[in-house]
Amino acid sequence: MAHLLLIDDDAVHVPEQVRQTFPAPEYRVVVADNGGAGVEHVRRASPDVVLLDLHLPDRPGLEVYRSIRAIDARIPVIFITTAKTADSAIEAVKRGAFDYLPKPLDLEQLRRVVAEALEVARMRVPVRIAEAPAHPDTDGAMLGASTKMLEIYKAIGRVAAQDVTVLVTGESGTGKELVARAIYQHSARSNAPFLALNCAAIPENLLESELFGHERGAFTGAERRRIGKFEQCNGGTVLLDEIGDMPLTLQAKILRLLQDQTFERLGGNETIRTDVRLIASTHRDLRVRAAEDKFRPDLYYRLGVFTIHLPPLRERVDDLPLLVHHYLRKFSAELGREVREIAPDALARLRAYSWPGNIRELQSVLRQALLRASGGVLLSAFLPELSGVFGQTRGAAVVEQSFDLERFIRQRLSPTTNDLAAETHREVDRLLMTLALEYTNGNHRDASRMLGISRQTMRMRLRALGLHVAHSVEPDDEDTP
């Protein structure tokens, strides 16, 4: 009999879900409604798996977790919570939690994760704990409760305490710098400097000096010695943003820095030793750049020790309402507006859009809308025209102009990826649906017949993919295969 302990102050709903998912006599489910009772039960009768709510009435869930680990570090602990910010998930995984599940619980996911935890419990594998002090909340743009974002939080938690190089990839505007800052804030170097440098924004002849510094007389205009970012940030963390655009001549020096933490200033002979953690980010596919001789393969392999890929906004549209309401409150305060809510049709327009500019474009659209707004509700009429280079809202569907399947797969090949087959099928479905509807001018009957599926199945897949269909040109009669 597997012994499960649920520590949650929900007196009815969550305990009933857990008991139904793990029925007797195969499972024994014990419920504690506060942290103190849960810790006392662990002390009396060690459970096989603990399900722990992060928000308890008597003490924080992370404090309860520390107490459980002090009693028996071999017990897998799965956090469950309604929290939508990044910090709780990052801290939980960083401290050694087995997994992190959002409320409302997905019972199939719960069943799978608990089964994996029970297997670990049977093998009695000790769980290593990386203790660190709590940190203040990260920027609001790290909000999100979608499955994809929870995986990002878990990845940050796994790598933050490990002093290794991290590569953050993703389209422009997805928040790569926020991920880098979150890694820094949850690392052992959080009390040391954090410096970010955009490799694409600085001319090649100045970038080397910015990074490594220069001696007096190193070039025309170098009237005094300059200390570069890697020397300034000794003991801290350096983010090289858009490293895919770094000149090849500098990449060799970055590689040496990663290998032995030494470099020379521009125009100097003295070897400078430093101690920095490097985080790199890029919207480019470095594997493709390397194949084109525009990026050193050896540097790519050193950077890619641990890769975090940020999903574009169109792949996590479930987070859109949360993000919209957050930015409405934030920008309303900045712009002196009183807007706190958004009309349903306005939110529907935002959900229908493909967001080629991602979070950054969403912020711009909401700022523009607030400048036009009057009253306490953001209406559809206040939104600017939504269109972009890579996608736009059309009568039938949101159409994406191109999709490189091989590139999509290669970008997601990393040790942290665990759902690549499903992601790839979703992207292929997205392309099929949009192109079929575009070809048939929005005619569901013709498009579904062409694809060999029913119109009901087509509508279900469109909803699942977050594709908005404004209208169908044929009457809504019975579906036919």
Protein backbone atom coordinates (compact mmCIF):
# COMPACT_ATOMS: atom_id res chain seq x y z
CA MET A 1 0.00 0.00 0.00
CA ALA A 2 1.40 3.39 -1.02
CA HIS A 3 1.19 6.04 1.71
CA LEU A 4 0.42 9.55 0.41
CA LEU A 5 0.34 12.64 2.62
CA LEU A 6 -1.59 15.70 1.39
CA ILE A 7 -0.83 18.95 3.22
CA ASP A 8 -3.48 21.45 2.07
CA ASP A 9 -5.94 23.72 3.87
CA ASP A 10 -8.64 22.99 1.28
CA ALA A 11 -11.03 20.93 3.39
CA VAL A 12 -13.09 19.40 0.57
CA HIS A 13 -12.18 19.79 -3.09
CA VAL A 14 -8.50 18.87 -3.32
CA PRO A 15 -8.63 16.01 -0.76
CA GLU A 16 -11.61 14.50 -2.59
CA GLN A 17 -9.77 14.73 -5.94
CA VAL A 18 -6.69 13.04 -4.48
CA ARG A 19 -8.72 10.27 -2.79
CA GLN A 20 -10.60 9.56 -6.02
CA THR A 21 -7.39 9.48 -8.04
CA PHE A 22 -5.62 7.23 -5.50
CA PRO A 23 -8.33 4.96 -4.04
CA ALA A 24 -8.01 2.43 -1.21
CA PRO A 25 -6.86 -0.23 -0.66
CA GLU A 26 -4.01 0.33 -3.11
CA TYR A 27 -3.32 3.75 -1.63
CA ARG A 28 -3.59 5.27 1.80
CA VAL A 29 -4.24 9.03 1.63
CA VAL A 30 -3.74 11.08 4.80
CA VAL A 31 -4.74 14.77 4.84
CA ALA A 32 -3.21 17.48 7.05
CA ASP A 33 -4.86 20.91 6.89
CA ASN A 34 -1.83 22.91 8.03
CA GLY A 35 1.95 22.78 7.93
CA GLY A 36 2.48 21.87 11.58
CA ALA A 37 0.18 18.86 11.40
CA GLY A 38 1.85 17.73 8.18
CA VAL A 39 5.36 17.90 9.64
CA GLU A 40 4.20 16.03 12.75
CA HIS A 41 2.73 13.26 10.59
CA VAL A 42 5.99 12.93 8.65
CA ARG A 43 7.82 12.64 11.96
CA ARG A 44 5.45 9.91 13.24
CA ALA A 45 4.90 7.86 10.08
CA SER A 46 7.12 8.55 7.08
CA PRO A 47 4.91 8.74 3.94
CA ASP A 48 6.04 7.54 0.52
CA VAL A 49 5.10 10.82 -1.21
CA VAL A 50 4.05 14.25 0.06
CA LEU A 51 1.70 16.60 -1.82
CA LEU A 52 2.35 20.04 -0.37
CA ASP A 53 0.44 23.28 -0.94
CA LEU A 54 2.76 26.30 -1.07
CA HIS A 55 0.23 28.54 0.71
CA LEU A 56 -0.76 27.25 4.15
CA PRO A 57 -2.52 29.09 7.01
CA ASP A 58 0.17 28.63 9.67
CA ARG A 59 3.48 28.85 7.78
CA PRO A 60 4.91 29.11 4.21
CA GLY A 61 5.02 25.90 2.20
CA LEU A 62 8.77 26.26 1.60
CA GLU A 63 9.33 26.34 5.37
CA VAL A 64 7.27 23.16 5.75
CA TYR A 65 9.31 21.63 2.96
CA ARG A 66 12.58 22.40 4.77
CA SER A 67 11.22 20.74 7.93
CA ILE A 68 10.24 17.61 5.99
CA ARG A 69 13.69 17.41 4.38
CA ALA A 70 15.32 17.73 7.79
CA ILE A 71 13.32 14.69 8.96
CA ASP A 72 13.84 12.52 5.85
CA ALA A 73 15.40 13.88 2.66
CA ARG A 74 14.43 10.71 0.76
CA ILE A 75 10.70 11.56 0.65
CA PRO A 76 9.65 12.98 -2.76
CA VAL A 77 7.69 16.21 -2.26
CA ILE A 78 5.36 17.49 -4.99
CA PHE A 79 4.25 21.10 -4.64
CA ILE A 80 0.70 22.05 -5.61
CA THR A 81 -0.43 25.67 -5.70
CA THR A 82 -2.48 28.35 -7.38
CA ALA A 83 0.54 30.70 -7.52
CA LYS A 84 1.11 32.17 -10.98
CA THR A 85 4.42 33.95 -10.43
CA ALA A 86 7.78 32.45 -11.25
CA ASP A 87 9.49 32.59 -7.86
CA SER A 88 7.53 29.89 -6.05
CA ALA A 89 8.08 27.35 -8.82
CA ILE A 90 11.75 28.25 -9.17
CA GLU A 91 12.41 28.05 -5.44
CA ALA A 92 10.52 24.77 -5.07
CA VAL A 93 12.45 22.98 -7.81
CA LYS A 94 15.75 24.60 -6.86
CA ARG A 95 15.43 23.32 -3.31
CA GLY A 96 14.97 19.77 -4.54
CA ALA A 97 11.21 19.38 -4.94
CA PHE A 98 10.22 16.39 -7.06
CA ASP A 99 7.78 18.41 -9.16
CA TYR A 100 5.42 21.36 -9.17
CA LEU A 101 1.75 21.12 -10.21
CA PRO A 102 -0.68 24.01 -10.66
CA LYS A 103 -4.24 24.18 -9.36
CA PRO A 104 -6.81 23.23 -10.51
CA LEU A 105 -5.16 19.85 -10.63
CA ASP A 106 -4.89 17.93 -13.88
CA LEU A 107 -5.68 14.48 -12.46
CA GLU A 108 -3.96 12.59 -15.27
CA GLN A 109 -0.81 14.64 -14.74
CA LEU A 110 -1.12 14.15 -10.97
CA ARG A 111 -1.42 10.38 -11.43
CA ARG A 112 1.67 10.28 -13.66
CA VAL A 113 3.84 12.46 -11.40
CA VAL A 114 2.88 10.56 -8.23
CA ALA A 115 3.65 7.25 -9.98
CA GLU A 116 7.12 8.55 -10.86
CA ALA A 117 7.61 9.81 -7.30
CA LEU A 118 6.59 6.44 -5.85
CA GLU A 119 9.16 4.75 -8.07
CA VAL A 120 11.82 7.10 -6.72
CA ALA A 121 10.64 6.43 -3.17
CA ARG A 122 10.96 2.69 -3.72
CA MET A 123 14.54 3.08 -4.92
CA ARG A 124 15.33 5.25 -1.91
CA VAL A 125 17.43 7.70 -3.92
CA PRO A 126 18.46 10.66 -1.74
CA VAL A 127 17.38 14.05 -3.03
CA ARG A 128 20.06 16.72 -3.04
CA ILE A 129 18.95 20.04 -1.64
CA ALA A 130 20.27 23.40 -2.81
CA GLU A 131 19.35 25.77 0.01
CA ALA A 132 19.32 29.50 -0.71
CA PRO A 133 17.67 32.56 0.82
CA ALA A 134 14.36 33.77 -0.53
CA HIS A 135 14.41 36.55 -3.09
CA PRO A 136 11.91 39.24 -3.99
CA ASP A 137 9.49 38.67 -6.88
CA THR A 138 10.87 38.85 -10.36
CA ASP A 139 9.41 41.18 -12.97
CA GLY A 140 5.73 40.73 -13.78
CA ALA A 141 6.50 39.56 -17.32
CA MET A 142 7.57 36.22 -15.80
CA LEU A 143 3.93 35.62 -14.93
CA GLY A 144 2.26 32.56 -16.37
CA ALA A 145 0.57 29.36 -15.27
CA SER A 146 0.56 27.50 -18.58
CA THR A 147 2.34 24.16 -18.81
CA LYS A 148 5.08 25.66 -20.95
CA MET A 149 5.85 28.41 -18.42
CA LEU A 150 5.85 26.01 -15.49
CA GLU A 151 8.48 23.99 -17.34
CA ILE A 152 10.54 27.18 -17.73
CA TYR A 153 10.28 27.85 -13.97
CA LYS A 154 11.36 24.29 -13.23
CA ALA A 155 14.33 24.59 -15.58
CA ILE A 156 15.42 27.83 -13.89
CA GLY A 157 15.11 26.14 -10.52
CA ARG A 158 17.23 23.19 -11.62
CA VAL A 159 20.09 25.27 -13.00
CA ALA A 160 20.13 28.45 -10.88
CA ALA A 161 22.17 27.00 -8.02
CA GLN A 162 24.51 25.14 -10.38
CA ASP A 163 27.38 27.40 -11.43
CA VAL A 164 27.24 26.45 -15.11
CA THR A 165 26.83 28.37 -18.35
CA VAL A 166 23.22 28.72 -19.53
CA LEU A 167 21.95 29.43 -23.05
CA VAL A 168 18.50 31.06 -23.27
CA THR A 169 16.85 30.86 -26.68
CA GLY A 170 13.59 32.19 -28.05
CA GLU A 171 12.07 34.71 -30.40
CA SER A 172 12.59 38.42 -29.86
CA GLY A 173 10.36 39.84 -27.17
CA THR A 174 9.73 36.61 -25.26
CA GLY A 175 11.58 37.74 -22.12
CA LYS A 176 14.99 36.09 -22.39
CA GLU A 177 16.65 38.72 -20.20
CA LEU A 178 14.01 38.12 -17.52
CA VAL A 179 14.96 34.43 -17.47
CA ALA A 180 18.63 35.38 -17.14
CA ARG A 181 17.83 37.73 -14.25
CA ALA A 182 15.75 35.04 -12.56
CA ILE A 183 18.67 32.60 -12.78
CA TYR A 184 20.94 35.27 -11.29
CA GLN A 185 18.50 36.17 -8.51
CA HIS A 186 18.16 32.55 -7.44
CA SER A 187 21.88 31.76 -7.63
CA ALA A 188 24.67 31.86 -5.08
CA ARG A 189 25.99 34.95 -6.92
CA SER A 190 22.86 37.05 -6.25
CA ASN A 191 24.73 39.43 -3.95
CA ALA A 192 27.38 40.10 -6.63
CA PRO A 193 26.91 42.29 -9.75
CA PHE A 194 24.73 41.41 -12.73
CA LEU A 195 25.67 43.07 -16.03
CA ALA A 196 23.90 42.68 -19.37
CA LEU A 197 25.35 43.56 -22.75
CA ASN A 198 23.58 43.39 -26.11
CA CYS A 199 26.11 42.07 -28.62
CA ALA A 200 23.99 43.24 -31.57
CA ALA A 201 23.64 46.83 -30.35
CA ILE A 202 27.34 47.72 -30.06
CA PRO A 203 29.65 48.24 -33.07
CA GLU A 204 32.22 45.49 -33.53
CA ASN A 205 35.17 47.81 -32.91
CA LEU A 206 33.76 48.79 -29.49
CA LEU A 207 32.35 45.46 -28.34
CA GLU A 208 35.72 43.94 -27.45
CA SER A 209 36.59 46.97 -25.34
CA GLU A 210 33.20 46.82 -23.59
CA LEU A 211 33.71 43.18 -22.69
CA PHE A 212 37.42 42.93 -21.96
CA GLY A 213 38.51 46.55 -21.46
CA HIS A 214 41.51 48.25 -23.05
CA GLU A 215 44.85 49.80 -22.17
CA ARG A 216 45.74 53.41 -22.79
CA GLY A 217 46.79 53.90 -26.41
CA ALA A 218 45.24 50.62 -27.57
CA PHE A 219 43.49 52.52 -30.38
CA THR A 220 42.81 56.08 -31.45
CA GLY A 221 40.91 57.80 -28.69
CA ALA A 222 41.95 55.37 -25.94
CA GLU A 223 43.31 58.05 -23.63
CA ARG A 224 43.12 55.97 -20.45
CA ARG A 225 42.75 52.38 -19.29
CA ARG A 226 39.21 51.01 -19.36
CA ILE A 227 37.95 48.14 -17.23
CA GLY A 228 35.63 45.83 -19.18
CA LYS A 229 32.45 44.05 -18.12
CA PHE A 230 34.15 40.76 -17.27
CA GLU A 231 36.53 42.54 -14.91
CA GLN A 232 33.85 44.79 -13.42
CA CYS A 233 31.63 41.79 -12.76
CA ASN A 234 34.19 39.63 -10.95
CA GLY A 235 32.24 37.22 -8.73
CA GLY A 236 28.97 38.01 -10.47
CA THR A 237 26.99 37.15 -13.59
CA VAL A 238 27.29 38.49 -17.15
CA LEU A 239 24.50 38.20 -19.70
CA LEU A 240 25.60 38.30 -23.33
CA ASP A 241 22.33 39.09 -25.08
CA GLU A 242 22.04 38.21 -28.79
CA ILE A 243 25.33 36.32 -28.72
CA GLY A 244 24.43 34.89 -32.13
CA ASP A 245 25.39 38.27 -33.59
CA MET A 246 28.82 38.39 -31.95
CA PRO A 247 31.73 38.70 -34.44
CA LEU A 248 33.78 35.55 -34.94
CA THR A 249 36.95 37.34 -33.85
CA LEU A 250 35.53 37.86 -30.37
CA GLN A 251 34.08 34.38 -30.04
CA ALA A 252 37.55 32.88 -29.56
CA LYS A 253 38.17 35.15 -26.56
CA ILE A 254 34.79 34.21 -25.07
CA LEU A 255 35.67 30.55 -25.48
CA ARG A 256 38.96 31.05 -23.63
CA LEU A 257 37.13 32.91 -20.87
CA LEU A 258 34.73 30.00 -20.44
CA GLN A 259 37.58 27.50 -20.39
CA ASP A 260 39.94 29.10 -17.87
CA GLN A 261 38.37 32.44 -16.74
CA THR A 262 41.29 34.49 -18.10
CA PHE A 263 41.66 37.20 -20.76
CA GLU A 264 43.77 40.21 -21.76
CA ARG A 265 42.59 43.77 -22.14
CA LEU A 266 42.65 45.15 -25.67
CA GLY A 267 46.19 46.40 -26.36
CA GLY A 268 47.58 44.75 -23.23
CA ASN A 269 49.78 41.75 -22.40
CA GLU A 270 48.76 41.19 -18.78
CA THR A 271 46.61 38.09 -18.20
CA ILE A 272 43.59 39.05 -16.13
CA ARG A 273 41.89 36.37 -14.03
CA THR A 274 38.23 36.74 -13.22
CA ASP A 275 35.36 34.69 -11.82
CA VAL A 276 32.10 35.24 -13.69
CA ARG A 277 29.12 33.12 -14.56
CA LEU A 278 28.11 33.53 -18.18
CA ILE A 279 24.52 33.45 -19.40
CA ALA A 280 23.98 33.87 -23.14
CA SER A 281 20.78 34.52 -25.05
CA THR A 282 19.82 34.64 -28.69
CA HIS A 283 16.84 34.59 -31.03
CA ARG A 284 18.96 32.86 -33.66
CA ASP A 285 19.50 29.15 -34.22
CA LEU A 286 23.19 28.82 -33.27
CA ARG A 287 23.40 25.36 -34.83
CA VAL A 288 22.41 26.87 -38.19
CA ARG A 289 24.78 29.82 -37.66
CA ALA A 290 27.61 27.35 -36.97
CA ALA A 291 26.81 25.40 -40.15
CA GLU A 292 27.01 28.71 -42.05
CA ASP A 293 30.45 29.45 -40.48
CA LYS A 294 28.99 32.45 -38.65
CA PHE A 295 29.35 30.96 -35.17
CA ARG A 296 32.09 28.77 -33.70
CA PRO A 297 30.84 25.21 -33.11
CA ASP A 298 33.14 24.76 -30.10
CA LEU A 299 31.66 27.88 -28.48
CA TYR A 300 28.14 26.66 -29.24
CA TYR A 301 28.84 23.38 -27.44
CA ARG A 302 30.29 25.21 -24.42
CA LEU A 303 27.31 27.56 -24.24
CA GLY A 304 24.76 24.80 -24.66
CA VAL A 305 25.59 22.92 -21.45
CA PHE A 306 22.09 23.82 -20.26
CA THR A 307 19.58 25.38 -22.65
CA ILE A 308 16.26 27.01 -21.80
CA HIS A 309 13.94 27.69 -24.74
CA LEU A 310 11.27 30.33 -24.18
CA PRO A 311 8.00 29.67 -26.03
CA PRO A 312 6.51 32.48 -28.12
CA LEU A 313 3.32 34.09 -26.79
CA ARG A 314 1.19 32.41 -29.46
CA GLU A 315 2.14 29.03 -27.96
CA ARG A 316 0.91 29.99 -24.49
CA VAL A 317 -2.25 31.96 -25.18
CA ASP A 318 -3.75 30.58 -21.95
CA ASP A 319 -1.46 33.05 -20.15
CA LEU A 320 -2.75 36.01 -22.17
CA PRO A 321 -5.61 37.06 -19.80
CA LEU A 322 -3.24 36.98 -16.83
CA LEU A 323 -0.62 39.04 -18.68
CA VAL A 324 -3.18 41.52 -20.00
CA HIS A 325 -4.66 42.21 -16.57
CA HIS A 326 -1.19 42.55 -15.05
CA TYR A 327 -0.03 45.07 -17.63
CA LEU A 328 -3.32 46.97 -17.52
CA ARG A 329 -2.79 47.60 -13.81
CA LYS A 330 0.88 48.42 -14.26
CA PHE A 331 0.54 50.74 -17.26
CA SER A 332 -2.61 52.41 -15.93
CA ALA A 333 -0.62 53.54 -12.91
CA GLU A 334 2.24 54.74 -15.13
CA LEU A 335 -0.03 56.66 -17.53
CA GLY A 336 -2.48 58.04 -14.98
CA ARG A 337 -5.42 55.96 -16.21
CA GLU A 338 -8.09 54.16 -14.20
CA VAL A 339 -8.50 51.17 -16.51
CA ARG A 340 -8.52 47.88 -14.61
CA GLU A 341 -10.69 45.60 -16.75
CA ILE A 342 -10.92 44.58 -20.40
CA ALA A 343 -14.10 43.96 -22.39
CA PRO A 344 -14.62 40.35 -23.54
CA ASP A 345 -14.59 41.29 -27.25
CA ALA A 346 -11.32 43.20 -26.77
CA LEU A 347 -9.73 40.21 -25.06
CA ALA A 348 -11.03 37.99 -27.87
CA ARG A 349 -9.26 40.22 -30.41
CA LEU A 350 -6.02 39.92 -28.46
CA ARG A 351 -6.36 36.13 -28.27
CA ALA A 352 -7.02 35.95 -32.03
CA TYR A 353 -3.73 37.64 -32.85
CA SER A 354 -0.50 35.70 -33.48
CA TRP A 355 1.81 38.14 -31.60
CA PRO A 356 4.94 38.08 -33.77
CA GLY A 357 6.54 40.56 -31.35
CA ASN A 358 5.57 38.48 -28.30
CA ILE A 359 5.46 40.07 -24.82
CA ARG A 360 7.16 43.24 -26.01
CA GLU A 361 4.50 43.76 -28.67
CA LEU A 362 1.71 43.04 -26.16
CA GLN A 363 3.11 45.74 -23.88
CA SER A 364 3.22 48.23 -26.77
CA VAL A 365 -0.36 47.44 -27.85
CA LEU A 366 -1.71 47.87 -24.31
CA ARG A 367 0.13 51.15 -23.80
CA GLN A 368 -1.31 52.50 -27.06
CA ALA A 369 -4.78 51.31 -26.08
CA LEU A 370 -4.58 52.94 -22.65
CA LEU A 371 -3.61 56.27 -24.20
CA ARG A 372 -6.82 56.12 -26.25
CA ALA A 373 -9.01 54.76 -23.45
CA SER A 374 -11.63 56.53 -21.39
CA GLY A 375 -13.52 55.01 -18.48
CA GLY A 376 -12.59 52.00 -16.39
CA VAL A 377 -12.90 49.28 -19.05
CA LEU A 378 -10.63 48.76 -22.05
CA LEU A 379 -12.93 48.42 -25.07
CA SER A 380 -12.12 46.82 -28.41
CA ALA A 381 -12.40 50.24 -30.07
CA PHE A 382 -9.40 51.46 -28.07
CA LEU A 383 -7.08 48.75 -29.45
CA PRO A 384 -4.75 49.72 -32.31
CA GLU A 385 -4.72 47.79 -35.58
CA LEU A 386 -3.23 44.37 -34.90
CA SER A 387 -0.90 43.23 -37.69
CA GLY A 388 2.66 42.05 -37.92
CA VAL A 389 5.37 40.77 -40.21
CA PHE A 390 5.00 37.10 -39.29
CA GLY A 391 1.29 36.78 -38.69
CA GLN A 392 -1.99 38.64 -38.74
CA THR A 393 -5.65 38.22 -37.90
CA ARG A 394 -7.65 37.24 -40.98
CA GLY A 395 -11.30 36.45 -41.55
CA ALA A 396 -10.90 32.73 -41.18
CA ALA A 397 -7.87 32.19 -38.99
CA VAL A 398 -4.58 33.45 -37.68
CA VAL A 399 -2.19 32.58 -40.48
CA GLU A 400 1.52 32.12 -39.94
CA GLN A 401 3.53 32.73 -43.05
CA SER A 402 6.12 29.97 -42.78
CA PHE A 403 7.17 27.04 -40.65
CA ASP A 404 10.54 25.31 -40.79
CA LEU A 405 9.92 21.89 -39.22
CA GLU A 406 13.57 20.86 -38.95
CA ARG A 407 14.56 24.18 -37.41
CA PHE A 408 11.65 23.97 -34.96
CA ILE A 409 12.79 20.52 -33.80
CA ARG A 410 16.49 21.41 -33.60
CA GLN A 411 15.77 24.51 -31.49
CA ARG A 412 13.99 22.36 -28.93
CA LEU A 413 16.48 19.50 -28.73
CA SER A 414 17.89 19.86 -25.22
CA PRO A 415 18.21 17.79 -22.04
CA THR A 416 15.26 19.69 -20.49
CA THR A 417 12.79 18.99 -23.31
CA ASN A 418 10.25 16.30 -22.43
CA ASP A 419 7.25 16.84 -24.74
CA LEU A 420 8.82 17.35 -28.15
CA ALA A 421 6.63 14.89 -30.05
CA ALA A 422 3.42 16.55 -28.84
CA GLU A 423 4.81 20.05 -29.52
CA THR A 424 5.78 19.07 -33.06
CA HIS A 425 2.38 17.54 -33.77
CA ARG A 426 0.72 20.74 -32.53
CA GLU A 427 2.82 22.90 -34.82
CA VAL A 428 2.14 20.67 -37.82
CA ASP A 429 -1.59 20.78 -36.97
CA ARG A 430 -1.40 24.57 -36.71
CA LEU A 431 0.14 24.82 -40.19
CA LEU A 432 -2.30 22.34 -41.73
CA MET A 433 -5.37 24.04 -40.26
CA THR A 434 -4.41 27.58 -41.18
CA LEU A 435 -3.33 26.76 -44.73
CA ALA A 436 -6.42 24.60 -45.38
CA LEU A 437 -8.76 27.34 -44.14
CA GLU A 438 -6.86 29.97 -46.11
CA TYR A 439 -7.14 27.84 -49.27
CA THR A 440 -10.90 27.33 -48.79
CA ASN A 441 -11.52 30.97 -47.77
CA GLY A 442 -12.77 29.86 -44.37
CA ASN A 443 -15.07 27.07 -45.57
CA HIS A 444 -15.02 24.48 -42.77
CA ARG A 445 -16.76 21.77 -44.77
CA ASP A 446 -14.24 21.93 -47.62
CA ALA A 447 -11.24 22.29 -45.30
CA SER A 448 -12.26 19.39 -43.05
CA ARG A 449 -12.98 17.17 -46.09
CA MET A 450 -9.58 18.05 -47.53
CA LEU A 451 -7.91 17.11 -44.23
CA GLY A 452 -9.98 13.97 -43.77
CA ILE A 453 -11.48 14.97 -40.41
CA SER A 454 -14.91 16.10 -39.21
CA ARG A 455 -15.73 19.77 -38.74
CA GLN A 456 -16.28 19.11 -35.04
CA THR A 457 -12.76 17.71 -34.77
CA MET A 458 -11.44 20.70 -36.70
CA ARG A 459 -13.13 23.15 -34.33
CA MET A 460 -11.78 21.29 -31.30
CA ARG A 461 -8.24 21.37 -32.68
CA LEU A 462 -8.49 25.05 -33.58
CA ARG A 463 -9.55 25.87 -30.03
CA ALA A 464 -6.79 23.72 -28.57
CA LEU A 465 -4.22 25.50 -30.77
CA GLY A 466 -5.53 28.93 -29.79
CA LEU A 467 -6.44 29.78 -33.39
CA HIS A 468 -9.35 32.14 -33.71
CA VAL A 469 -11.95 31.58 -36.41
CA ALA A 470 -14.12 34.62 -36.88
CA HIS A 471 -16.70 32.96 -39.09
CA SER A 472 -17.39 29.99 -41.29
CA VAL A 473 -18.83 30.67 -44.72
CA GLU A 474 -21.17 27.65 -44.69
CA PRO A 475 -24.23 27.22 -42.39
CA ASP A 476 -23.56 25.34 -39.15
CA ASP A 477 -25.39 22.13 -40.03
CA GLU A 478 -24.50 18.63 -38.89
CA ASP A 479 -20.85 17.68 -39.20
CA THR A 480 -19.92 15.06 -41.71
CA PRO A 481 -16.63 13.13 -41.79
